[in-house]
N, C-alpha and C. Protein backbone atom coordinates (compact mmCIF):
# COMPACT_ATOMS: atom_id res chain seq x y z
N MET A 1 179.70 136.42 116.12
CA MET A 1 180.44 136.98 117.27
C MET A 1 179.47 137.14 118.42
N ALA A 2 179.82 136.74 119.61
CA ALA A 2 178.90 136.79 120.77
C ALA A 2 178.87 138.22 121.26
N ASN A 3 177.74 138.55 121.84
CA ASN A 3 177.48 139.82 122.50
C ASN A 3 177.69 139.71 123.93
N PHE A 4 178.91 140.23 124.43
CA PHE A 4 179.17 140.13 125.81
C PHE A 4 178.69 141.20 126.70
N ILE A 5 178.37 142.37 126.16
CA ILE A 5 177.82 143.44 126.87
C ILE A 5 176.27 143.54 126.69
N LYS A 6 175.63 143.46 127.69
CA LYS A 6 174.09 143.52 127.56
C LYS A 6 173.58 144.25 128.82
N PRO A 7 172.30 144.72 128.87
CA PRO A 7 171.78 145.35 129.98
C PRO A 7 171.73 144.49 131.21
N TYR A 8 171.98 145.03 132.29
CA TYR A 8 171.94 144.34 133.61
C TYR A 8 170.53 143.65 133.81
N ASN A 9 170.52 142.31 133.99
CA ASN A 9 169.25 141.55 134.16
C ASN A 9 168.30 141.73 132.98
N ASP A 10 168.81 142.00 131.85
CA ASP A 10 168.01 142.21 130.59
C ASP A 10 167.05 143.29 130.76
N ASP A 11 167.35 144.28 131.56
CA ASP A 11 166.45 145.45 131.76
C ASP A 11 167.26 146.76 131.30
N PRO A 12 166.86 147.23 130.08
CA PRO A 12 167.63 148.30 129.53
C PRO A 12 167.40 149.65 130.32
N PHE A 13 166.52 149.72 131.23
CA PHE A 13 166.17 150.96 131.90
C PHE A 13 166.90 151.08 133.28
N VAL A 14 167.84 150.14 133.56
CA VAL A 14 168.51 150.17 134.85
C VAL A 14 169.66 151.12 134.85
N GLY A 15 170.25 151.32 133.72
CA GLY A 15 171.34 152.27 133.58
C GLY A 15 172.75 151.60 133.93
N HIS A 16 172.82 150.35 133.84
CA HIS A 16 174.01 149.52 134.14
C HIS A 16 174.18 148.50 133.11
N LEU A 17 175.43 148.43 132.58
CA LEU A 17 175.69 147.34 131.64
C LEU A 17 176.47 146.23 132.33
N ALA A 18 175.94 144.95 132.04
CA ALA A 18 176.53 143.78 132.59
C ALA A 18 177.60 143.38 131.65
N THR A 19 178.90 143.32 132.04
CA THR A 19 179.95 142.87 131.28
C THR A 19 180.54 141.54 131.95
N PRO A 20 181.40 140.86 131.26
CA PRO A 20 182.02 139.68 131.91
C PRO A 20 182.74 140.06 133.17
N ILE A 21 183.25 141.29 133.32
CA ILE A 21 184.00 141.70 134.57
C ILE A 21 183.01 142.07 135.65
N THR A 22 182.06 142.89 135.35
CA THR A 22 181.11 143.41 136.40
C THR A 22 180.13 142.32 136.91
N SER A 23 179.83 141.31 136.11
CA SER A 23 178.93 140.29 136.50
C SER A 23 179.48 138.92 136.82
N SER A 24 180.83 138.94 136.90
CA SER A 24 181.43 137.61 137.23
C SER A 24 181.37 137.24 138.70
N ALA A 25 181.49 136.04 139.04
CA ALA A 25 181.38 135.51 140.39
C ALA A 25 182.65 136.04 141.21
N ILE A 26 183.72 136.15 140.58
CA ILE A 26 184.97 136.67 141.27
C ILE A 26 184.76 138.12 141.73
N THR A 27 184.26 138.93 140.87
CA THR A 27 184.00 140.37 141.26
C THR A 27 183.00 140.46 142.33
N LYS A 28 181.92 139.66 142.31
CA LYS A 28 180.95 139.73 143.34
C LYS A 28 181.53 139.19 144.69
N THR A 29 182.41 138.19 144.67
CA THR A 29 183.00 137.69 145.88
C THR A 29 183.96 138.78 146.50
N ILE A 30 184.76 139.42 145.58
CA ILE A 30 185.62 140.44 146.11
C ILE A 30 184.89 141.60 146.77
N LEU A 31 183.78 142.00 146.15
CA LEU A 31 182.99 143.10 146.68
C LEU A 31 182.24 142.70 147.99
N LYS A 32 181.84 141.43 148.06
CA LYS A 32 181.21 140.97 149.32
C LYS A 32 182.15 140.97 150.48
N ASN A 33 183.44 140.81 150.19
CA ASN A 33 184.45 140.74 151.33
C ASN A 33 185.04 142.11 151.67
N LEU A 34 184.65 143.18 150.95
CA LEU A 34 185.05 144.47 151.39
C LEU A 34 184.41 144.85 152.73
N PRO A 35 185.08 145.62 153.62
CA PRO A 35 184.39 145.88 154.88
C PRO A 35 183.07 146.65 154.84
N ALA A 36 182.87 147.39 153.86
CA ALA A 36 181.53 148.12 153.81
C ALA A 36 180.45 147.16 153.42
N TYR A 37 180.69 146.00 152.93
CA TYR A 37 179.61 145.08 152.51
C TYR A 37 179.60 143.75 153.36
N ARG A 38 180.61 143.58 154.07
CA ARG A 38 180.77 142.24 154.89
C ARG A 38 179.69 142.18 155.87
N ILE A 39 179.10 141.01 155.96
CA ILE A 39 178.05 140.72 156.89
C ILE A 39 178.58 140.45 158.22
N GLY A 40 177.95 141.01 159.32
CA GLY A 40 178.35 140.64 160.61
C GLY A 40 179.29 141.64 161.31
N LEU A 41 179.70 142.74 160.63
CA LEU A 41 180.52 143.86 161.20
C LEU A 41 179.64 144.95 161.71
N THR A 42 180.10 145.51 162.80
CA THR A 42 179.36 146.73 163.35
C THR A 42 179.95 147.91 162.62
N PRO A 43 179.16 149.07 162.60
CA PRO A 43 179.72 150.22 161.85
C PRO A 43 181.11 150.70 162.44
N LEU A 44 181.33 150.50 163.73
CA LEU A 44 182.65 150.92 164.26
C LEU A 44 183.72 150.05 163.73
N LEU A 45 183.50 148.76 163.64
CA LEU A 45 184.58 147.86 163.06
C LEU A 45 184.76 148.05 161.52
N ARG A 46 183.67 148.45 160.84
CA ARG A 46 183.78 148.80 159.44
C ARG A 46 184.67 150.03 159.28
N GLY A 47 184.38 151.05 160.03
CA GLY A 47 185.18 152.27 159.94
C GLY A 47 186.56 152.05 160.31
N LEU A 48 186.81 151.24 161.35
CA LEU A 48 188.15 150.95 161.80
C LEU A 48 189.01 150.26 160.76
N GLU A 49 188.37 149.29 160.01
CA GLU A 49 189.11 148.48 158.95
C GLU A 49 189.38 149.43 157.75
N ILE A 50 188.40 150.22 157.44
CA ILE A 50 188.60 151.11 156.23
C ILE A 50 189.61 152.22 156.65
N GLY A 51 189.63 152.73 157.86
CA GLY A 51 190.57 153.70 158.29
C GLY A 51 191.95 153.18 158.34
N LEU A 52 192.12 151.92 158.85
CA LEU A 52 193.44 151.27 158.83
C LEU A 52 194.08 151.15 157.49
N ALA A 53 193.29 150.77 156.49
CA ALA A 53 193.82 150.72 155.13
C ALA A 53 194.19 152.08 154.61
N HIS A 54 193.30 153.03 154.85
CA HIS A 54 193.60 154.37 154.27
C HIS A 54 194.73 155.06 154.90
N GLY A 55 194.82 154.95 156.23
CA GLY A 55 195.99 155.66 156.89
C GLY A 55 197.33 155.06 156.61
N TYR A 56 197.26 153.79 156.27
CA TYR A 56 198.54 153.09 155.86
C TYR A 56 199.02 153.51 154.58
N PHE A 57 198.22 153.67 153.54
CA PHE A 57 198.71 154.01 152.25
C PHE A 57 198.76 155.48 151.92
N ILE A 58 198.12 156.28 152.63
CA ILE A 58 198.06 157.77 152.42
C ILE A 58 199.48 158.33 152.71
N MET A 59 200.19 157.81 153.67
CA MET A 59 201.48 158.44 154.15
C MET A 59 202.58 158.44 153.16
N GLY A 60 202.63 157.35 152.34
CA GLY A 60 203.75 157.14 151.36
C GLY A 60 203.91 158.30 150.46
N PRO A 61 202.90 158.73 149.78
CA PRO A 61 203.10 159.90 148.87
C PRO A 61 203.54 161.21 149.52
N PHE A 62 203.06 161.45 150.68
CA PHE A 62 203.50 162.55 151.44
C PHE A 62 204.96 162.57 151.79
N VAL A 63 205.50 161.32 152.18
CA VAL A 63 206.88 161.30 152.57
C VAL A 63 207.77 161.27 151.32
N LYS A 64 207.42 160.47 150.30
CA LYS A 64 208.27 160.40 149.17
C LYS A 64 208.17 161.44 148.07
N LEU A 65 206.93 162.11 147.98
CA LEU A 65 206.70 163.10 146.95
C LEU A 65 206.43 164.47 147.52
N GLY A 66 206.41 164.66 148.76
CA GLY A 66 206.17 165.96 149.37
C GLY A 66 207.28 167.02 149.17
N PRO A 67 206.99 168.18 149.47
CA PRO A 67 208.06 169.26 149.25
C PRO A 67 209.26 169.18 150.21
N LEU A 68 209.11 168.41 151.30
CA LEU A 68 210.22 168.26 152.20
C LEU A 68 210.82 166.87 152.14
N ARG A 69 210.71 166.19 151.01
CA ARG A 69 211.19 164.80 150.79
C ARG A 69 212.59 164.65 151.00
N ASN A 70 213.47 165.69 150.72
CA ASN A 70 214.94 165.60 150.87
C ASN A 70 215.40 166.14 152.16
N SER A 71 214.55 166.51 153.10
CA SER A 71 215.09 167.09 154.30
C SER A 71 215.18 166.09 155.48
N GLU A 72 215.62 166.51 156.61
CA GLU A 72 215.69 165.60 157.75
C GLU A 72 214.31 165.28 158.34
N ILE A 73 213.41 166.21 158.10
CA ILE A 73 212.05 165.98 158.73
C ILE A 73 211.04 165.49 157.76
N ALA A 74 211.42 164.86 156.71
CA ALA A 74 210.51 164.42 155.70
C ALA A 74 209.45 163.43 156.28
N LEU A 75 209.90 162.56 157.20
CA LEU A 75 209.09 161.57 157.80
C LEU A 75 208.06 162.30 158.65
N LEU A 76 208.50 163.20 159.49
CA LEU A 76 207.54 163.87 160.42
C LEU A 76 206.60 164.78 159.58
N ALA A 77 207.09 165.44 158.56
CA ALA A 77 206.21 166.32 157.71
C ALA A 77 205.12 165.42 157.05
N GLY A 78 205.60 164.20 156.60
CA GLY A 78 204.68 163.33 155.90
C GLY A 78 203.61 162.82 156.83
N PHE A 79 204.02 162.50 158.11
CA PHE A 79 203.06 162.06 159.09
C PHE A 79 202.06 163.17 159.40
N LEU A 80 202.47 164.38 159.58
CA LEU A 80 201.57 165.48 159.93
C LEU A 80 200.72 165.84 158.76
N SER A 81 201.20 165.76 157.57
CA SER A 81 200.43 165.93 156.43
C SER A 81 199.23 164.84 156.33
N THR A 82 199.61 163.63 156.64
CA THR A 82 198.71 162.53 156.67
C THR A 82 197.54 162.71 157.70
N ILE A 83 198.03 163.13 158.82
CA ILE A 83 197.01 163.35 159.98
C ILE A 83 196.10 164.55 159.57
N GLY A 84 196.66 165.52 158.88
CA GLY A 84 195.77 166.65 158.37
C GLY A 84 194.78 166.26 157.39
N LEU A 85 195.19 165.35 156.41
CA LEU A 85 194.25 164.84 155.43
C LEU A 85 193.25 163.88 156.09
N ILE A 86 193.60 163.13 157.09
CA ILE A 86 192.64 162.27 157.80
C ILE A 86 191.61 163.10 158.48
N ILE A 87 192.04 164.29 159.05
CA ILE A 87 191.06 165.15 159.66
C ILE A 87 190.18 165.78 158.60
N ILE A 88 190.58 166.13 157.53
CA ILE A 88 189.80 166.64 156.41
C ILE A 88 188.80 165.60 155.96
N LEU A 89 189.26 164.36 155.76
CA LEU A 89 188.41 163.34 155.32
C LEU A 89 187.30 162.99 156.41
N THR A 90 187.70 163.00 157.64
CA THR A 90 186.69 162.84 158.75
C THR A 90 185.71 163.94 158.78
N LEU A 91 186.18 165.20 158.52
CA LEU A 91 185.31 166.32 158.51
C LEU A 91 184.30 166.12 157.37
N GLY A 92 184.71 165.61 156.24
CA GLY A 92 183.85 165.28 155.15
C GLY A 92 182.78 164.29 155.46
N LEU A 93 183.24 163.23 156.22
CA LEU A 93 182.30 162.20 156.71
C LEU A 93 181.25 162.76 157.61
N THR A 94 181.76 163.76 158.44
CA THR A 94 180.89 164.40 159.41
C THR A 94 179.76 165.20 158.72
N ILE A 95 180.23 165.98 157.71
CA ILE A 95 179.27 166.80 156.93
C ILE A 95 178.29 165.97 156.20
N TYR A 96 178.78 164.89 155.59
CA TYR A 96 177.84 164.02 154.81
C TYR A 96 176.84 163.37 155.78
N GLY A 97 177.26 162.96 156.95
CA GLY A 97 176.42 162.30 157.95
C GLY A 97 175.34 163.27 158.46
N ALA A 98 175.73 164.47 158.70
CA ALA A 98 174.81 165.57 159.19
C ALA A 98 173.81 165.92 158.14
N VAL A 99 174.03 165.82 156.93
CA VAL A 99 173.15 166.18 155.85
C VAL A 99 172.24 165.06 155.51
N VAL A 100 172.74 163.82 155.47
CA VAL A 100 171.97 162.68 154.92
C VAL A 100 171.10 162.10 156.11
N PHE A 101 171.69 161.87 157.23
CA PHE A 101 171.03 161.18 158.26
C PHE A 101 170.55 162.14 159.25
N THR A 102 169.22 162.45 159.36
CA THR A 102 168.64 163.39 160.29
C THR A 102 168.05 162.73 161.54
N SER A 103 167.83 161.39 161.56
CA SER A 103 167.27 160.77 162.70
C SER A 103 167.87 159.36 162.88
N ASP A 104 167.58 158.69 163.98
CA ASP A 104 168.10 157.35 164.20
C ASP A 104 167.20 156.26 163.64
N LYS A 105 166.16 156.67 162.84
CA LYS A 105 165.31 155.66 162.24
C LYS A 105 165.34 155.78 160.67
N ASP A 106 165.26 154.70 160.06
CA ASP A 106 165.36 154.73 158.56
C ASP A 106 163.95 155.12 158.06
N GLN A 107 163.86 155.05 156.79
CA GLN A 107 162.54 155.51 156.09
C GLN A 107 161.43 154.60 156.48
N ASN A 108 161.57 153.34 156.82
CA ASN A 108 160.58 152.36 157.19
C ASN A 108 160.09 152.43 158.60
N GLY A 109 160.93 153.13 159.44
CA GLY A 109 160.59 153.38 160.84
C GLY A 109 161.24 152.40 161.75
N SER A 110 162.08 151.44 161.21
CA SER A 110 162.69 150.49 162.08
C SER A 110 164.17 150.94 162.28
N ILE A 111 164.72 150.46 163.40
CA ILE A 111 166.08 150.79 163.68
C ILE A 111 166.98 149.99 162.71
N GLU A 112 167.91 150.66 162.06
CA GLU A 112 168.76 149.99 161.22
C GLU A 112 170.15 149.86 161.74
N VAL A 113 170.92 148.76 161.46
CA VAL A 113 172.20 148.55 162.03
C VAL A 113 173.39 148.91 161.17
N ASP A 114 173.11 149.19 159.89
CA ASP A 114 174.25 149.49 159.03
C ASP A 114 174.40 151.03 158.97
N PHE A 115 174.78 151.50 157.75
CA PHE A 115 175.06 152.94 157.67
C PHE A 115 173.89 153.84 157.59
N GLN A 116 172.67 153.42 157.82
CA GLN A 116 171.50 154.17 157.48
C GLN A 116 170.97 155.01 158.59
N THR A 117 171.68 155.10 159.73
CA THR A 117 171.20 156.04 160.79
C THR A 117 172.38 156.89 161.23
N LYS A 118 172.02 157.97 161.90
CA LYS A 118 173.00 158.92 162.31
C LYS A 118 173.96 158.32 163.33
N LYS A 119 173.41 157.52 164.22
CA LYS A 119 174.26 156.95 165.30
C LYS A 119 175.32 155.97 164.65
N SER A 120 174.85 155.12 163.73
CA SER A 120 175.77 154.13 163.15
C SER A 120 176.75 154.90 162.26
N TRP A 121 176.41 156.04 161.57
CA TRP A 121 177.24 156.74 160.80
C TRP A 121 178.38 157.39 161.66
N ASP A 122 177.98 157.87 162.87
CA ASP A 122 178.94 158.46 163.83
C ASP A 122 179.97 157.37 164.27
N GLN A 123 179.42 156.22 164.46
CA GLN A 123 180.29 155.11 164.92
C GLN A 123 181.38 154.80 163.83
N PHE A 124 180.80 154.77 162.60
CA PHE A 124 181.65 154.50 161.40
C PHE A 124 182.75 155.49 161.29
N LYS A 125 182.31 156.83 161.42
CA LYS A 125 183.24 157.98 161.25
C LYS A 125 184.29 157.89 162.40
N GLY A 126 183.90 157.59 163.62
CA GLY A 126 184.89 157.47 164.71
C GLY A 126 185.86 156.31 164.52
N GLY A 127 185.34 155.20 164.04
CA GLY A 127 186.26 154.09 163.77
C GLY A 127 187.20 154.41 162.61
N PHE A 128 186.80 155.15 161.63
CA PHE A 128 187.66 155.58 160.54
C PHE A 128 188.72 156.50 161.00
N PHE A 129 188.46 157.38 161.81
CA PHE A 129 189.40 158.34 162.41
C PHE A 129 190.44 157.60 163.22
N VAL A 130 190.01 156.80 164.15
CA VAL A 130 191.00 156.10 164.95
C VAL A 130 191.79 155.19 164.17
N GLY A 131 191.25 154.40 163.29
CA GLY A 131 191.98 153.45 162.46
C GLY A 131 193.02 154.13 161.56
N ALA A 132 192.64 155.25 160.91
CA ALA A 132 193.48 155.94 160.07
C ALA A 132 194.69 156.53 160.77
N CYS A 133 194.37 157.18 161.89
CA CYS A 133 195.52 157.81 162.67
C CYS A 133 196.34 156.78 163.31
N GLY A 134 195.82 155.55 163.75
CA GLY A 134 196.57 154.52 164.27
C GLY A 134 197.55 153.88 163.20
N SER A 135 197.00 153.70 162.04
CA SER A 135 197.89 153.10 161.07
C SER A 135 198.93 154.00 160.51
N ALA A 136 198.62 155.33 160.47
CA ALA A 136 199.66 156.30 160.12
C ALA A 136 200.71 156.38 161.17
N GLY A 137 200.38 156.23 162.41
CA GLY A 137 201.39 156.15 163.52
C GLY A 137 202.21 154.91 163.39
N PHE A 138 201.58 153.84 163.03
CA PHE A 138 202.31 152.56 162.86
C PHE A 138 203.31 152.65 161.68
N VAL A 139 202.92 153.28 160.62
CA VAL A 139 203.88 153.55 159.46
C VAL A 139 204.99 154.48 159.84
N LEU A 140 204.71 155.47 160.71
CA LEU A 140 205.73 156.40 161.22
C LEU A 140 206.77 155.55 162.01
N ILE A 141 206.29 154.67 162.95
CA ILE A 141 207.14 153.86 163.73
C ILE A 141 208.03 152.98 162.82
N CYS A 142 207.37 152.29 161.86
CA CYS A 142 208.06 151.37 160.95
C CYS A 142 209.14 152.09 160.11
N LEU A 143 208.78 153.18 159.54
CA LEU A 143 209.67 153.88 158.66
C LEU A 143 210.83 154.58 159.53
N SER A 144 210.58 154.97 160.74
CA SER A 144 211.65 155.57 161.50
C SER A 144 212.58 154.56 162.00
N SER A 145 212.25 153.29 162.05
CA SER A 145 213.18 152.24 162.44
C SER A 145 214.00 151.70 161.37
N ILE A 146 213.78 152.10 160.13
CA ILE A 146 214.51 151.61 158.95
C ILE A 146 215.74 152.57 158.81
N PRO A 147 216.94 152.13 158.63
CA PRO A 147 218.04 153.02 158.36
C PRO A 147 217.84 153.94 157.16
N THR A 148 218.35 155.16 157.29
CA THR A 148 218.08 156.09 156.09
C THR A 148 218.90 155.69 154.91
N SER A 149 219.91 154.91 154.98
CA SER A 149 220.69 154.57 153.73
C SER A 149 219.90 153.62 152.87
N ILE A 150 218.95 152.87 153.45
CA ILE A 150 218.03 151.99 152.67
C ILE A 150 217.05 152.73 151.93
N LEU A 151 216.44 153.76 152.61
CA LEU A 151 215.38 154.56 151.98
C LEU A 151 215.95 155.41 150.89
């Protein structure tokens, strides 16, 4: 029987196991295409794209599973709850950036363009907030234009 699980790069001290899933070319391709790892994006665009995705899918559970789901204002309550959660998430990003990034230079002393400086983290955070609020507003407009008999 073949041994499919082995230490990553045959180094048992790494603390990661290479499996057919984690070390496959498909997995690496999918991860390379995520906005956090895609080459050529500015921190603002990375945050915008991640925010668009999150704002779009966060609203559904609030509208369909929230305490006001059977009322006339379920959509508005879900939207406001989504905006509240987006503000909390952005506050978490702000706190993380304030603690981790203390200057605009990385450890080597050179200016870094990705997530490794305070300025780029602030751009990422701003893009996340704008993207998440914008896509939540888009979902509000889309869901408000659907007749209630279908929902």
